[in-house]
Amino acid sequence: RPALQDITDAVNGVNQLKDHPSGLIRLNASTWAADRILPFILEFMDKYPDVKVDLVTEGRLVDIVGEGFDAGLRLASLVPQDMIALPLGIDEALIVVGSQGYFKKFGIPKTPGDLVAHSCIQARLPSGALMRWELTKGSGETWIKTTGQLTVGTTQLAVKAA
């Protein structure tokens, strides 16, 4: 009987917490992903003041479970096959940009194939691989292997360089 009462008390305690969450949530994300998710985290923390969030940003892909994280935020193409991925519902796209000076000197690319002849800024993924340029129009999709003089470690640096 005392053991059953202990179990009942524990279950009742857990049920009370469902309306009043507390504790620590550890998230791992790229700086790009953290920037996008931060407004939602702040709103969540405002709603649940007893929840603490540890948002770790780093440039490498980590073993989320092995390093004690509750979740990780990744580009869909970077999620390991043995992990479960859920879309965040934040649709974003990268676009091709260049300075007026660059386009004046080298011309504006008209088709995806034209990019091969241009000096494109390369962004390196945490895995070390270069980010591929995926271009879409309607339902069509084209992957372009670009080259250029500058390779950077984040898409934020690529935008600044452009």
C-alpha atoms as a PDB file:
ATOM      1  CA  ARG A   1       0.000   0.000   0.000  1.00  0.00           C
ATOM      2  CA  PRO A   2       2.679   2.630   0.779  1.00  0.00           C
ATOM      3  CA  ALA A   3       4.341   1.954  -2.597  1.00  0.00           C
ATOM      4  CA  LEU A   4       1.029   2.374  -4.421  1.00  0.00           C
ATOM      5  CA  GLN A   5       0.455   5.655  -2.602  1.00  0.00           C
ATOM      6  CA  ASP A   6       3.933   6.835  -3.659  1.00  0.00           C
ATOM      7  CA  ILE A   7       3.158   5.972  -7.292  1.00  0.00           C
ATOM      8  CA  THR A   8      -0.224   7.721  -7.092  1.00  0.00           C
ATOM      9  CA  ASP A   9       1.414  10.822  -5.583  1.00  0.00           C
ATOM     10  CA  ALA A  10       4.061  10.826  -8.330  1.00  0.00           C
ATOM     11  CA  VAL A  11       1.452  10.524 -11.097  1.00  0.00           C
ATOM     12  CA  ASN A  12      -0.615  13.323  -9.533  1.00  0.00           C
ATOM     13  CA  GLY A  13       2.493  15.493  -9.316  1.00  0.00           C
ATOM     14  CA  VAL A  14       3.254  14.945 -12.997  1.00  0.00           C
ATOM     15  CA  ASN A  15      -0.356  15.695 -13.949  1.00  0.00           C
ATOM     16  CA  GLN A  16      -0.169  19.006 -12.081  1.00  0.00           C
ATOM     17  CA  LEU A  17       2.956  19.953 -14.048  1.00  0.00           C
ATOM     18  CA  LYS A  18       1.254  19.549 -17.423  1.00  0.00           C
ATOM     19  CA  ASP A  19      -0.508  22.875 -16.852  1.00  0.00           C
ATOM     20  CA  HIS A  20       2.601  24.499 -15.372  1.00  0.00           C
ATOM     21  CA  PRO A  21       5.756  23.304 -17.201  1.00  0.00           C
ATOM     22  CA  SER A  22       9.125  23.837 -15.589  1.00  0.00           C
ATOM     23  CA  GLY A  23      12.671  22.679 -16.110  1.00  0.00           C
ATOM     24  CA  LEU A  24      15.407  23.020 -18.707  1.00  0.00           C
ATOM     25  CA  ILE A  25      15.149  22.558 -22.477  1.00  0.00           C
ATOM     26  CA  ARG A  26      18.494  22.180 -24.268  1.00  0.00           C
ATOM     27  CA  LEU A  27      18.471  23.046 -27.975  1.00  0.00           C
ATOM     28  CA  ASN A  28      21.307  22.852 -30.481  1.00  0.00           C
ATOM     29  CA  ALA A  29      21.168  24.972 -33.624  1.00  0.00           C
ATOM     30  CA  SER A  30      23.213  26.741 -36.214  1.00  0.00           C
ATOM     31  CA  THR A  31      23.381  30.500 -35.722  1.00  0.00           C
ATOM     32  CA  TRP A  32      21.116  30.828 -38.774  1.00  0.00           C
ATOM     33  CA  ALA A  33      18.461  28.562 -37.251  1.00  0.00           C
ATOM     34  CA  ALA A  34      18.790  30.118 -33.789  1.00  0.00           C
ATOM     35  CA  ASP A  35      18.175  33.563 -35.247  1.00  0.00           C
ATOM     36  CA  ARG A  36      14.917  32.378 -36.807  1.00  0.00           C
ATOM     37  CA  ILE A  37      13.648  30.419 -33.793  1.00  0.00           C
ATOM     38  CA  LEU A  38      14.613  32.942 -31.078  1.00  0.00           C
ATOM     39  CA  PRO A  39      11.338  34.960 -31.268  1.00  0.00           C
ATOM     40  CA  PHE A  40       9.358  31.745 -30.674  1.00  0.00           C
ATOM     41  CA  ILE A  41      11.599  30.765 -27.757  1.00  0.00           C
ATOM     42  CA  LEU A  42      11.153  34.176 -26.131  1.00  0.00           C
ATOM     43  CA  GLU A  43       7.373  33.956 -26.543  1.00  0.00           C
ATOM     44  CA  PHE A  44       7.396  30.435 -25.059  1.00  0.00           C
ATOM     45  CA  MET A  45       9.503  31.553 -22.076  1.00  0.00           C
ATOM     46  CA  ASP A  46       7.163  34.468 -21.459  1.00  0.00           C
ATOM     47  CA  LYS A  47       4.214  32.055 -21.386  1.00  0.00           C
ATOM     48  CA  TYR A  48       6.067  29.524 -19.190  1.00  0.00           C
ATOM     49  CA  PRO A  49       8.381  31.491 -16.853  1.00  0.00           C
ATOM     50  CA  ASP A  50       9.556  28.372 -14.979  1.00  0.00           C
ATOM     51  CA  VAL A  51      11.078  26.884 -18.141  1.00  0.00           C
ATOM     52  CA  LYS A  52      14.728  27.648 -18.849  1.00  0.00           C
ATOM     53  CA  VAL A  53      16.147  27.324 -22.360  1.00  0.00           C
ATOM     54  CA  ASP A  54      19.781  26.620 -23.163  1.00  0.00           C
ATOM     55  CA  LEU A  55      20.177  27.472 -26.866  1.00  0.00           C
ATOM     56  CA  VAL A  56      23.619  26.296 -27.975  1.00  0.00           C
ATOM     57  CA  THR A  57      24.876  27.562 -31.329  1.00  0.00           C
ATOM     58  CA  GLU A  58      27.914  26.139 -32.988  1.00  0.00           C
ATOM     59  CA  GLY A  59      29.181  25.497 -36.452  1.00  0.00           C
ATOM     60  CA  ARG A  60      29.376  21.735 -36.253  1.00  0.00           C
ATOM     61  CA  LEU A  61      26.721  19.077 -36.442  1.00  0.00           C
ATOM     62  CA  VAL A  62      26.529  17.311 -33.091  1.00  0.00           C
ATOM     63  CA  ASP A  63      25.068  14.047 -31.905  1.00  0.00           C
ATOM     64  CA  ILE A  64      22.016  15.658 -30.322  1.00  0.00           C
ATOM     65  CA  VAL A  65      21.121  12.688 -28.114  1.00  0.00           C
ATOM     66  CA  GLY A  66      24.719  11.810 -27.258  1.00  0.00           C
ATOM     67  CA  GLU A  67      25.489  15.352 -26.108  1.00  0.00           C
ATOM     68  CA  GLY A  68      22.346  15.712 -24.008  1.00  0.00           C
ATOM     69  CA  PHE A  69      20.189  17.967 -26.179  1.00  0.00           C
ATOM     70  CA  ASP A  70      16.412  17.720 -26.265  1.00  0.00           C
ATOM     71  CA  ALA A  71      16.231  18.838 -29.899  1.00  0.00           C
ATOM     72  CA  GLY A  72      18.297  20.222 -32.742  1.00  0.00           C
ATOM     73  CA  LEU A  73      17.456  22.678 -35.496  1.00  0.00           C
ATOM     74  CA  ARG A  74      18.907  21.813 -38.902  1.00  0.00           C
ATOM     75  CA  LEU A  75      18.335  22.340 -42.583  1.00  0.00           C
ATOM     76  CA  ALA A  76      16.347  19.351 -43.797  1.00  0.00           C
ATOM     77  CA  SER A  77      19.197  18.274 -46.072  1.00  0.00           C
ATOM     78  CA  LEU A  78      21.571  18.033 -43.068  1.00  0.00           C
ATOM     79  CA  VAL A  79      19.426  15.819 -40.831  1.00  0.00           C
ATOM     80  CA  PRO A  80      21.033  12.390 -40.325  1.00  0.00           C
ATOM     81  CA  GLN A  81      18.930   9.526 -41.703  1.00  0.00           C
ATOM     82  CA  ASP A  82      18.461   7.947 -38.266  1.00  0.00           C
ATOM     83  CA  MET A  83      16.917  11.113 -36.790  1.00  0.00           C
ATOM     84  CA  ILE A  84      13.268  12.162 -36.854  1.00  0.00           C
ATOM     85  CA  ALA A  85      12.770  15.544 -38.528  1.00  0.00           C
ATOM     86  CA  LEU A  86       9.749  17.808 -38.257  1.00  0.00           C
ATOM     87  CA  PRO A  87       9.374  20.983 -40.335  1.00  0.00           C
ATOM     88  CA  LEU A  88       9.210  24.215 -38.356  1.00  0.00           C
ATOM     89  CA  GLY A  89       6.866  25.806 -40.851  1.00  0.00           C
ATOM     90  CA  ILE A  90       9.202  28.705 -41.507  1.00  0.00           C
ATOM     91  CA  ASP A  91       9.537  28.882 -45.281  1.00  0.00           C
ATOM     92  CA  GLU A  92      12.657  30.702 -46.365  1.00  0.00           C
ATOM     93  CA  ALA A  93      14.701  30.755 -49.489  1.00  0.00           C
ATOM     94  CA  LEU A  94      18.168  31.941 -50.354  1.00  0.00           C
ATOM     95  CA  ILE A  95      18.379  34.251 -53.347  1.00  0.00           C
ATOM     96  CA  VAL A  96      21.105  35.144 -55.799  1.00  0.00           C
ATOM     97  CA  VAL A  97      22.383  38.665 -55.151  1.00  0.00           C
ATOM     98  CA  GLY A  98      25.315  40.795 -56.202  1.00  0.00           C
ATOM     99  CA  SER A  99      26.499  44.357 -55.884  1.00  0.00           C
ATOM    100  CA  GLN A 100      25.713  46.934 -58.556  1.00  0.00           C
ATOM    101  CA  GLY A 101      29.424  47.298 -59.155  1.00  0.00           C
ATOM    102  CA  TYR A 102      29.874  43.574 -59.748  1.00  0.00           C
ATOM    103  CA  PHE A 103      26.931  43.360 -62.147  1.00  0.00           C
ATOM    104  CA  LYS A 104      28.107  46.477 -64.002  1.00  0.00           C
ATOM    105  CA  LYS A 105      31.549  44.945 -64.468  1.00  0.00           C
ATOM    106  CA  PHE A 106      30.574  41.312 -65.218  1.00  0.00           C
ATOM    107  CA  GLY A 107      26.915  41.442 -66.288  1.00  0.00           C
ATOM    108  CA  ILE A 108      23.758  40.070 -64.709  1.00  0.00           C
ATOM    109  CA  PRO A 109      23.264  36.307 -65.039  1.00  0.00           C
ATOM    110  CA  LYS A 110      20.066  35.552 -66.955  1.00  0.00           C
ATOM    111  CA  THR A 111      19.886  31.777 -66.466  1.00  0.00           C
ATOM    112  CA  PRO A 112      21.143  29.398 -63.774  1.00  0.00           C
ATOM    113  CA  GLY A 113      23.807  28.149 -66.180  1.00  0.00           C
ATOM    114  CA  ASP A 114      25.214  31.687 -66.450  1.00  0.00           C
ATOM    115  CA  LEU A 115      26.324  31.467 -62.798  1.00  0.00           C
ATOM    116  CA  VAL A 116      29.055  28.988 -63.721  1.00  0.00           C
ATOM    117  CA  ALA A 117      30.970  31.819 -65.437  1.00  0.00           C
ATOM    118  CA  HIS A 118      30.629  34.165 -62.420  1.00  0.00           C
ATOM    119  CA  SER A 119      32.746  34.475 -59.284  1.00  0.00           C
ATOM    120  CA  CYS A 120      30.245  33.243 -56.678  1.00  0.00           C
ATOM    121  CA  ILE A 121      30.748  33.357 -52.924  1.00  0.00           C
ATOM    122  CA  GLN A 122      30.886  29.856 -51.481  1.00  0.00           C
ATOM    123  CA  ALA A 123      29.470  28.981 -48.039  1.00  0.00           C
ATOM    124  CA  ARG A 124      30.973  26.008 -46.230  1.00  0.00           C
ATOM    125  CA  LEU A 125      28.637  23.694 -44.318  1.00  0.00           C
ATOM    126  CA  PRO A 126      29.531  22.377 -40.842  1.00  0.00           C
ATOM    127  CA  SER A 127      30.436  19.046 -42.473  1.00  0.00           C
ATOM    128  CA  GLY A 128      33.134  20.836 -44.472  1.00  0.00           C
ATOM    129  CA  ALA A 129      31.279  20.449 -47.771  1.00  0.00           C
ATOM    130  CA  LEU A 130      30.439  23.511 -49.831  1.00  0.00           C
ATOM    131  CA  MET A 131      26.792  24.520 -49.936  1.00  0.00           C
ATOM    132  CA  ARG A 132      25.262  23.618 -53.280  1.00  0.00           C
ATOM    133  CA  TRP A 133      23.251  26.260 -55.067  1.00  0.00           C
ATOM    134  CA  GLU A 134      19.709  25.006 -55.521  1.00  0.00           C
ATOM    135  CA  LEU A 135      17.658  27.159 -57.866  1.00  0.00           C
ATOM    136  CA  THR A 136      13.941  26.671 -58.342  1.00  0.00           C
ATOM    137  CA  LYS A 137      11.351  28.138 -60.648  1.00  0.00           C
ATOM    138  CA  GLY A 138       7.816  26.850 -60.369  1.00  0.00           C
ATOM    139  CA  SER A 139       8.135  23.122 -59.850  1.00  0.00           C
ATOM    140  CA  GLY A 140      11.517  22.949 -61.595  1.00  0.00           C
ATOM    141  CA  GLU A 141      14.716  22.520 -59.608  1.00  0.00           C
ATOM    142  CA  THR A 142      18.329  22.971 -60.737  1.00  0.00           C
ATOM    143  CA  TRP A 143      21.537  22.366 -58.796  1.00  0.00           C
ATOM    144  CA  ILE A 144      24.498  24.509 -59.861  1.00  0.00           C
ATOM    145  CA  LYS A 145      28.128  23.895 -58.919  1.00  0.00           C
ATOM    146  CA  THR A 146      29.527  27.400 -58.639  1.00  0.00           C
ATOM    147  CA  THR A 147      33.087  28.594 -58.154  1.00  0.00           C
ATOM    148  CA  GLY A 148      34.564  31.797 -56.860  1.00  0.00           C
ATOM    149  CA  GLN A 149      37.405  33.544 -55.082  1.00  0.00           C
ATOM    150  CA  LEU A 150      35.853  33.601 -51.593  1.00  0.00           C
ATOM    151  CA  THR A 151      34.704  30.773 -49.351  1.00  0.00           C
ATOM    152  CA  VAL A 152      33.183  31.596 -45.953  1.00  0.00           C
ATOM    153  CA  GLY A 153      31.966  29.553 -42.986  1.00  0.00           C
ATOM    154  CA  THR A 154      28.408  30.862 -42.700  1.00  0.00           C
ATOM    155  CA  THR A 155      25.630  32.127 -44.916  1.00  0.00           C
ATOM    156  CA  GLN A 156      25.621  35.336 -42.827  1.00  0.00           C
ATOM    157  CA  LEU A 157      29.213  36.030 -43.898  1.00  0.00           C
ATOM    158  CA  ALA A 158      28.297  35.278 -47.513  1.00  0.00           C
ATOM    159  CA  VAL A 159      25.539  37.897 -47.354  1.00  0.00           C
ATOM    160  CA  LYS A 160      27.931  40.462 -45.843  1.00  0.00           C
ATOM    161  CA  ALA A 161      30.544  39.724 -48.487  1.00  0.00           C
ATOM    162  CA  ALA A 162      28.011  40.155 -51.275  1.00  0.00           C
END
